[in-house]
Protein backbone atom coordinates (compact mmCIF):
# COMPACT_ATOMS: atom_id res chain seq x y z
CA MET A 1 107.60 57.45 89.49
CA LEU A 2 105.69 53.92 87.78
CA PRO A 3 102.11 54.77 86.50
CA GLY A 4 99.84 53.92 88.50
CA LEU A 5 101.41 54.40 92.07
CA PRO A 6 101.01 56.86 94.37
CA ASN A 7 102.92 60.81 94.04
CA PRO A 8 105.98 61.26 96.48
CA ALA A 9 104.92 63.80 99.84
CA LEU A 10 104.81 67.18 98.47
CA PRO A 11 108.43 68.53 99.03
CA ILE A 12 108.16 71.95 101.39
CA ARG A 13 109.92 74.80 102.56
CA MET A 14 109.69 76.57 105.85
CA TYR A 15 110.72 79.22 107.32
CA GLN A 16 110.07 81.95 109.98
CA THR A 17 110.14 85.92 110.50
CA GLU A 18 109.78 87.73 113.85
CA SER A 19 106.11 87.70 112.82
CA HIS A 20 105.14 85.33 110.30
CA LEU A 21 106.20 81.79 109.82
CA VAL A 22 106.42 81.16 105.78
CA VAL A 23 105.13 77.90 103.55
CA ALA A 24 106.76 76.98 99.89
CA THR A 25 106.67 74.05 97.75
CA PRO A 26 106.50 73.67 94.26
CA MET A 27 103.35 73.01 92.69
CA PRO A 28 104.06 73.27 89.40
CA GLY A 29 101.47 72.61 86.06
CA LEU A 30 98.27 73.75 87.83
CA GLU A 31 96.06 76.99 87.75
CA PRO A 32 95.62 79.09 91.34
CA GLU A 33 92.10 77.71 91.17
CA ASP A 34 93.12 74.23 90.97
CA ILE A 35 95.03 74.99 94.74
CA LEU A 36 92.99 74.61 98.31
CA ILE A 37 94.92 75.30 101.59
CA THR A 38 93.29 74.32 104.89
CA ILE A 39 94.82 76.38 107.93
CA ALA A 40 93.64 75.17 111.55
CA SER A 41 95.91 76.44 114.33
CA THR A 42 98.74 74.35 114.37
CA TRP A 43 98.10 72.36 110.93
CA LEU A 44 98.35 73.22 107.23
CA THR A 45 97.07 71.01 104.69
CA LEU A 46 97.61 71.94 100.38
CA GLN A 47 95.87 70.48 97.91
CA GLY A 48 96.34 70.39 94.43
CA ASP A 49 93.93 69.07 91.86
CA SER A 50 94.49 66.85 88.63
CA ARG A 51 95.14 69.00 85.40
CA GLY A 52 95.73 68.95 82.50
CA PRO A 53 93.41 66.60 79.86
CA ARG A 54 94.87 63.10 78.43
CA GLN A 55 97.40 63.28 81.01
CA HIS A 56 96.64 59.66 82.54
CA GLY A 57 94.87 58.01 79.06
CA LEU A 58 99.22 58.09 77.94
CA ASP A 59 101.13 54.85 77.57
CA LEU A 60 103.43 56.45 79.81
CA VAL A 61 107.06 54.60 79.69
CA VAL A 62 108.96 57.13 82.79
CA THR A 63 107.37 59.85 84.52
CA GLU A 64 109.00 61.78 87.38
CA TRP A 65 107.19 64.86 87.51
CA THR A 66 103.61 65.13 87.55
CA ILE A 67 100.54 67.74 86.86
CA GLY A 68 98.43 66.76 90.74
CA PRO A 69 97.11 65.77 92.14
CA TYR A 70 99.08 67.01 95.30
CA TYR A 71 97.96 66.40 98.71
CA ARG A 72 100.50 67.87 102.46
CA GLU A 73 99.61 68.11 105.82
CA VAL A 74 101.81 69.80 107.80
CA GLU A 75 102.21 70.44 111.08
CA LEU A 76 102.86 73.66 112.27
CA PRO A 77 105.91 74.74 114.90
CA TYR A 78 103.42 77.39 116.86
CA PRO A 79 99.53 77.76 116.35
CA VAL A 80 99.14 80.92 113.11
CA ASN A 81 96.21 82.80 112.44
CA GLY A 82 94.98 81.47 109.48
CA PRO A 83 91.86 83.92 108.50
CA LEU A 84 95.07 87.01 108.41
CA SER A 85 97.29 83.45 106.20
CA ASN A 86 98.33 85.51 102.59
CA ALA A 87 98.95 83.01 99.79
CA THR A 88 100.41 83.40 96.60
CA TYR A 89 101.24 81.20 93.30
CA GLY A 90 103.78 82.32 90.23
CA ASN A 91 105.46 80.09 88.15
CA GLY A 92 104.47 77.01 89.99
CA VAL A 93 105.75 77.08 93.22
CA LEU A 94 103.16 78.26 96.73
CA VAL A 95 103.63 80.33 99.02
CA VAL A 96 101.76 80.36 102.32
CA SER A 97 102.31 83.18 104.85
CA MET A 98 100.47 83.20 108.27
CA PRO A 99 101.16 85.21 111.42
CA ARG A 100 102.36 83.75 114.30
CA LEU A 101 99.75 83.97 117.18
CA ASN A 102 100.16 86.87 120.22
CA PRO A 103 101.31 85.09 122.99
CA GLY A 104 97.64 84.41 125.03
CA GLU A 105 96.23 84.71 121.81
CA LEU A 106 93.80 81.75 120.54
CA PRO A 107 93.73 79.45 117.54
CA GLU A 108 90.08 80.60 115.19
CA PRO A 109 88.30 77.06 116.24
CA VAL A 110 87.61 75.57 113.44
CA ALA A 111 89.69 75.13 110.11
CA VAL A 112 89.68 78.10 107.26
CA GLN A 113 89.57 77.33 104.07
CA TYR A 114 90.71 79.13 100.75
CA ARG A 115 90.55 78.04 97.52
CA LEU A 116 93.32 80.84 95.26
CA GLU A 117 92.01 82.86 92.06
CA ALA A 118 93.79 84.80 89.90
CA ASN A 119 93.74 88.31 90.09
CA ARG A 120 94.71 88.77 86.24
CA SER A 121 95.75 87.22 83.63
CA ALA A 122 99.58 86.45 83.73
CA GLN A 123 100.10 87.36 79.33
CA GLY A 124 103.10 88.33 78.60
CA GLU A 125 103.59 91.59 75.59
CA HIS A 126 103.64 89.36 71.86
CA VAL A 127 106.42 89.77 70.07
CA GLY A 128 105.91 89.85 66.23
CA HIS A 129 102.67 89.58 64.49
CA PHE A 130 100.56 88.00 66.21
CA GLY A 131 96.88 88.11 65.53
CA LYS A 132 98.32 90.61 62.35
CA GLU A 133 98.52 90.29 58.64
CA MET A 134 102.10 89.64 58.29
CA VAL A 135 104.06 93.11 56.74
CA PRO A 136 107.01 92.93 55.55
CA THR A 137 108.92 96.57 56.70
CA THR A 138 112.35 98.08 57.71
CA THR A 139 113.70 99.37 60.49
CA SER A 140 113.45 103.06 59.36
CA ASP A 141 109.97 102.40 58.10
CA HIS A 142 108.73 100.84 61.64
CA ARG A 143 110.62 103.95 63.60
CA HIS A 144 109.38 106.15 60.84
CA LYS A 145 105.44 104.81 61.61
CA VAL A 146 105.96 104.58 65.40
CA GLY A 147 107.43 107.92 65.51
CA GLU A 148 104.72 109.66 64.07
CA ALA A 149 101.98 107.96 66.13
CA ILE A 150 104.15 109.23 68.95
CA LEU A 151 104.87 112.41 68.21
CA LYS A 152 101.33 113.12 66.68
CA PRO A 153 98.89 114.86 68.65
CA PRO A 154 95.31 113.02 69.62
CA HIS A 155 92.27 114.52 68.00
CA ARG A 156 90.18 116.86 69.39
CA PRO A 157 87.58 118.77 68.26
CA VAL A 158 87.86 122.41 68.93
CA ALA A 159 84.70 123.63 70.98
CA GLU A 160 83.41 127.45 68.48
CA GLU A 161 83.04 130.47 70.24
CA THR A 162 80.12 132.48 70.83
């Protein structure tokens, strides 16, 4: 893709279960708050804001992927229940699960919009000396120190009997 040209269509994978219609799409490089989902009966609109400071100021020679903006409108094969839909975003992939409407059930008269929110910080476990003073140690010293911490009961004041 050449700089300045519009992004290619956002690819999707759509599948169905007995009770849901599910759409998955890659949206790499975004935070959940950058994603807006609109569901209107038989239409799904996916939007992802542009992310990343200074990404547009680079003198790019070749760019085959982007960090937004993303946009895609998808016509759904049948009406879905927008208010009861669920969306998850992880590892750069958005998954929207929409319940099928029961026979005779009418779709919502207006579109429903969702902006994703992060539930909690996605931090892994720190290994090594991250944020701590670096102190040389041996494996046996480390095991001994950790073993003491595990075996040593926490200090609890003893109530005096009267």
